[in-house]
Amino acid sequence: MGELGDTSDIVRLALQTAVNDYRDVLRDGLLKAQAQGLIRTDKSAEDMADLLVNAWQGVLLRMKIDKSSRPLKQCYEQLLDDYFLPK
């Protein structure tokens, strides 16, 4: 996405659709988890899904640049360990 996203409107729109599709899958799963009381409900499932997508894309770039899985571990430990817990 980072390399092709701005090469043409067709590519940009295709990538945007793909990202929105997998964001929506995450959102649906988060909605189910909220209904089960497994994750926080003071934030919308869509906002949390957007955060996951954005964080994941950043992690992918950092792992590529750093040639390390450390950014993934940091994201997991610092974001996922407590951000989604019920409040």
N, C-alpha and C. Protein backbone atom coordinates (compact mmCIF):
# COMPACT_ATOMS: atom_id res chain seq x y z
N MET A 1 0.81 -1.19 0.00
CA MET A 1 0.00 0.00 0.00
C MET A 1 0.85 1.25 0.00
N GLY A 2 1.91 1.22 0.79
CA GLY A 2 2.77 2.38 0.87
C GLY A 2 3.48 2.69 -0.44
N GLU A 3 3.73 1.67 -1.20
CA GLU A 3 4.45 1.86 -2.45
C GLU A 3 3.53 2.11 -3.63
N LEU A 4 2.33 1.55 -3.61
CA LEU A 4 1.44 1.65 -4.76
C LEU A 4 0.26 2.57 -4.55
N GLY A 5 0.01 2.97 -3.32
CA GLY A 5 -1.20 3.69 -2.98
C GLY A 5 -1.45 4.98 -3.72
N ASP A 6 -0.40 5.62 -4.16
CA ASP A 6 -0.60 6.89 -4.85
C ASP A 6 -0.16 6.84 -6.32
N THR A 7 -0.08 5.64 -6.88
CA THR A 7 0.36 5.53 -8.27
C THR A 7 -0.76 5.84 -9.26
N SER A 8 -2.00 5.57 -8.87
CA SER A 8 -3.14 5.90 -9.73
C SER A 8 -4.40 5.86 -8.88
N ASP A 9 -5.44 6.50 -9.38
CA ASP A 9 -6.72 6.49 -8.66
C ASP A 9 -7.31 5.09 -8.59
N ILE A 10 -7.13 4.31 -9.64
CA ILE A 10 -7.67 2.94 -9.66
C ILE A 10 -7.01 2.11 -8.57
N VAL A 11 -5.69 2.19 -8.46
CA VAL A 11 -4.96 1.43 -7.44
C VAL A 11 -5.36 1.93 -6.05
N ARG A 12 -5.42 3.24 -5.88
CA ARG A 12 -5.77 3.82 -4.58
C ARG A 12 -7.16 3.35 -4.14
N LEU A 13 -8.11 3.39 -5.05
CA LEU A 13 -9.47 2.97 -4.71
C LEU A 13 -9.55 1.48 -4.41
N ALA A 14 -8.80 0.67 -5.16
CA ALA A 14 -8.78 -0.78 -4.90
C ALA A 14 -8.19 -1.07 -3.53
N LEU A 15 -7.10 -0.39 -3.19
CA LEU A 15 -6.48 -0.58 -1.88
C LEU A 15 -7.40 -0.08 -0.76
N GLN A 16 -8.04 1.04 -1.00
CA GLN A 16 -8.97 1.58 -0.01
C GLN A 16 -10.11 0.60 0.25
N THR A 17 -10.63 0.00 -0.80
CA THR A 17 -11.70 -0.99 -0.66
C THR A 17 -11.21 -2.20 0.12
N ALA A 18 -10.03 -2.68 -0.20
CA ALA A 18 -9.47 -3.85 0.50
C ALA A 18 -9.28 -3.56 1.98
N VAL A 19 -8.72 -2.39 2.30
CA VAL A 19 -8.49 -2.03 3.70
C VAL A 19 -9.83 -1.89 4.44
N ASN A 20 -10.78 -1.25 3.80
CA ASN A 20 -12.10 -1.10 4.43
C ASN A 20 -12.77 -2.45 4.65
N ASP A 21 -12.58 -3.37 3.72
CA ASP A 21 -13.17 -4.70 3.87
C ASP A 21 -12.59 -5.42 5.08
N TYR A 22 -11.27 -5.39 5.23
CA TYR A 22 -10.72 -6.11 6.39
C TYR A 22 -10.93 -5.35 7.67
N ARG A 23 -11.05 -4.03 7.60
CA ARG A 23 -11.45 -3.25 8.79
C ARG A 23 -12.85 -3.65 9.23
N ASP A 24 -13.74 -3.85 8.26
CA ASP A 24 -15.12 -4.23 8.58
C ASP A 24 -15.19 -5.62 9.21
N VAL A 25 -14.35 -6.53 8.76
CA VAL A 25 -14.30 -7.87 9.38
C VAL A 25 -13.85 -7.74 10.83
N LEU A 26 -12.83 -6.93 11.08
CA LEU A 26 -12.37 -6.69 12.45
C LEU A 26 -13.49 -6.06 13.28
N ARG A 27 -14.15 -5.05 12.71
CA ARG A 27 -15.24 -4.37 13.41
C ARG A 27 -16.33 -5.36 13.83
N ASP A 28 -16.70 -6.26 12.92
CA ASP A 28 -17.73 -7.23 13.24
C ASP A 28 -17.31 -8.15 14.38
N GLY A 29 -16.06 -8.57 14.37
CA GLY A 29 -15.55 -9.39 15.46
C GLY A 29 -15.52 -8.63 16.78
N LEU A 30 -15.14 -7.36 16.71
CA LEU A 30 -15.10 -6.54 17.92
C LEU A 30 -16.51 -6.29 18.46
N LEU A 31 -17.48 -6.13 17.58
CA LEU A 31 -18.87 -5.98 18.02
C LEU A 31 -19.33 -7.22 18.79
N LYS A 32 -18.98 -8.39 18.28
CA LYS A 32 -19.33 -9.63 18.98
C LYS A 32 -18.64 -9.71 20.33
N ALA A 33 -17.36 -9.34 20.37
CA ALA A 33 -16.63 -9.36 21.64
C ALA A 33 -17.22 -8.37 22.63
N GLN A 34 -17.65 -7.21 22.15
CA GLN A 34 -18.30 -6.24 23.03
C GLN A 34 -19.60 -6.82 23.60
N ALA A 35 -20.37 -7.45 22.76
CA ALA A 35 -21.64 -8.03 23.20
C ALA A 35 -21.43 -9.11 24.26
N GLN A 36 -20.27 -9.77 24.19
CA GLN A 36 -19.95 -10.83 25.15
C GLN A 36 -19.24 -10.28 26.39
N GLY A 37 -18.98 -8.98 26.42
CA GLY A 37 -18.31 -8.37 27.56
C GLY A 37 -16.82 -8.65 27.63
N LEU A 38 -16.24 -9.06 26.51
CA LEU A 38 -14.83 -9.42 26.51
C LEU A 38 -13.90 -8.22 26.30
N ILE A 39 -14.41 -7.18 25.66
CA ILE A 39 -13.60 -5.99 25.42
C ILE A 39 -14.41 -4.75 25.79
N ARG A 40 -13.73 -3.65 25.86
CA ARG A 40 -14.36 -2.40 26.30
C ARG A 40 -15.50 -2.00 25.37
N THR A 41 -16.45 -1.29 25.97
CA THR A 41 -17.61 -0.82 25.21
C THR A 41 -17.70 0.71 25.19
N ASP A 42 -16.75 1.37 25.83
CA ASP A 42 -16.78 2.84 25.84
C ASP A 42 -16.20 3.43 24.57
N LYS A 43 -15.70 2.60 23.69
CA LYS A 43 -15.22 3.02 22.37
C LYS A 43 -15.98 2.22 21.33
N SER A 44 -16.22 2.83 20.18
CA SER A 44 -16.97 2.10 19.15
C SER A 44 -16.09 1.01 18.54
N ALA A 45 -16.74 -0.05 18.12
CA ALA A 45 -16.03 -1.15 17.46
C ALA A 45 -15.35 -0.65 16.19
N GLU A 46 -15.99 0.27 15.49
CA GLU A 46 -15.39 0.80 14.26
C GLU A 46 -14.13 1.60 14.56
N ASP A 47 -14.15 2.42 15.61
CA ASP A 47 -12.94 3.17 15.98
C ASP A 47 -11.81 2.23 16.38
N MET A 48 -12.14 1.19 17.12
CA MET A 48 -11.11 0.24 17.53
C MET A 48 -10.57 -0.53 16.33
N ALA A 49 -11.45 -0.87 15.40
CA ALA A 49 -11.00 -1.57 14.18
C ALA A 49 -10.09 -0.67 13.35
N ASP A 50 -10.45 0.62 13.24
CA ASP A 50 -9.58 1.55 12.53
C ASP A 50 -8.21 1.63 13.19
N LEU A 51 -8.19 1.69 14.51
CA LEU A 51 -6.92 1.74 15.23
C LEU A 51 -6.09 0.49 14.95
N LEU A 52 -6.72 -0.66 14.97
CA LEU A 52 -5.99 -1.90 14.68
C LEU A 52 -5.40 -1.89 13.28
N VAL A 53 -6.19 -1.48 12.31
CA VAL A 53 -5.71 -1.43 10.92
C VAL A 53 -4.55 -0.45 10.80
N ASN A 54 -4.71 0.73 11.37
CA ASN A 54 -3.66 1.73 11.28
C ASN A 54 -2.39 1.29 12.00
N ALA A 55 -2.55 0.70 13.17
CA ALA A 55 -1.38 0.22 13.91
C ALA A 55 -0.70 -0.90 13.14
N TRP A 56 -1.49 -1.82 12.60
CA TRP A 56 -0.92 -2.94 11.85
C TRP A 56 -0.12 -2.46 10.65
N GLN A 57 -0.66 -1.50 9.92
CA GLN A 57 0.07 -0.98 8.76
C GLN A 57 1.38 -0.33 9.18
N GLY A 58 1.36 0.40 10.28
CA GLY A 58 2.58 1.01 10.79
C GLY A 58 3.58 -0.04 11.23
N VAL A 59 3.09 -1.08 11.90
CA VAL A 59 3.96 -2.17 12.34
C VAL A 59 4.61 -2.86 11.14
N LEU A 60 3.83 -3.09 10.10
CA LEU A 60 4.40 -3.74 8.90
C LEU A 60 5.54 -2.91 8.31
N LEU A 61 5.33 -1.60 8.23
CA LEU A 61 6.39 -0.74 7.69
C LEU A 61 7.62 -0.74 8.59
N ARG A 62 7.40 -0.61 9.89
CA ARG A 62 8.54 -0.60 10.82
C ARG A 62 9.30 -1.91 10.80
N MET A 63 8.60 -3.05 10.73
CA MET A 63 9.30 -4.33 10.68
C MET A 63 10.13 -4.43 9.40
N LYS A 64 9.60 -3.91 8.31
CA LYS A 64 10.32 -3.94 7.04
C LYS A 64 11.57 -3.06 7.12
N ILE A 65 11.41 -1.87 7.64
CA ILE A 65 12.53 -0.93 7.74
C ILE A 65 13.58 -1.42 8.73
N ASP A 66 13.13 -1.90 9.89
CA ASP A 66 14.05 -2.33 10.95
C ASP A 66 14.56 -3.75 10.74
N LYS A 67 13.93 -4.49 9.82
CA LYS A 67 14.26 -5.92 9.64
C LYS A 67 14.22 -6.64 10.99
N SER A 68 13.10 -6.41 11.69
CA SER A 68 12.95 -6.94 13.03
C SER A 68 11.46 -7.13 13.33
N SER A 69 11.18 -8.06 14.22
CA SER A 69 9.80 -8.24 14.68
C SER A 69 9.53 -7.42 15.95
N ARG A 70 10.51 -6.68 16.40
CA ARG A 70 10.35 -5.89 17.63
C ARG A 70 9.16 -4.94 17.58
N PRO A 71 8.91 -4.21 16.46
CA PRO A 71 7.74 -3.34 16.43
C PRO A 71 6.43 -4.09 16.67
N LEU A 72 6.33 -5.32 16.17
CA LEU A 72 5.14 -6.12 16.41
C LEU A 72 4.99 -6.44 17.89
N LYS A 73 6.07 -6.84 18.52
CA LYS A 73 6.03 -7.15 19.95
C LYS A 73 5.65 -5.92 20.76
N GLN A 74 6.22 -4.77 20.41
CA GLN A 74 5.89 -3.53 21.11
C GLN A 74 4.41 -3.20 20.96
N CYS A 75 3.91 -3.32 19.76
CA CYS A 75 2.50 -3.01 19.52
C CYS A 75 1.62 -3.96 20.32
N TYR A 76 1.95 -5.22 20.27
CA TYR A 76 1.17 -6.21 21.02
C TYR A 76 1.18 -5.89 22.51
N GLU A 77 2.35 -5.69 23.06
CA GLU A 77 2.47 -5.48 24.50
C GLU A 77 1.90 -4.15 24.95
N GLN A 78 2.11 -3.10 24.18
CA GLN A 78 1.71 -1.78 24.64
C GLN A 78 0.30 -1.39 24.22
N LEU A 79 -0.19 -1.93 23.15
CA LEU A 79 -1.52 -1.57 22.70
C LEU A 79 -2.53 -2.65 23.06
N LEU A 80 -2.28 -3.84 22.63
CA LEU A 80 -3.28 -4.88 22.79
C LEU A 80 -3.39 -5.41 24.21
N ASP A 81 -2.34 -5.34 24.98
CA ASP A 81 -2.39 -5.88 26.33
C ASP A 81 -3.41 -5.17 27.21
N ASP A 82 -3.68 -3.88 26.97
CA ASP A 82 -4.66 -3.25 27.85
C ASP A 82 -5.67 -2.35 27.16
N TYR A 83 -5.45 -1.97 25.94
CA TYR A 83 -6.36 -1.03 25.29
C TYR A 83 -7.76 -1.61 25.13
N PHE A 84 -7.86 -2.88 24.86
CA PHE A 84 -9.15 -3.47 24.55
C PHE A 84 -9.84 -4.10 25.76
N LEU A 85 -9.19 -4.10 26.91
CA LEU A 85 -9.79 -4.71 28.09
C LEU A 85 -11.05 -3.94 28.51
N PRO A 86 -12.03 -4.64 29.05
CA PRO A 86 -13.25 -3.97 29.49
C PRO A 86 -12.93 -2.91 30.55
N LYS A 87 -13.66 -1.82 30.46
CA LYS A 87 -13.50 -0.73 31.44
C LYS A 87 -14.64 -0.79 32.42
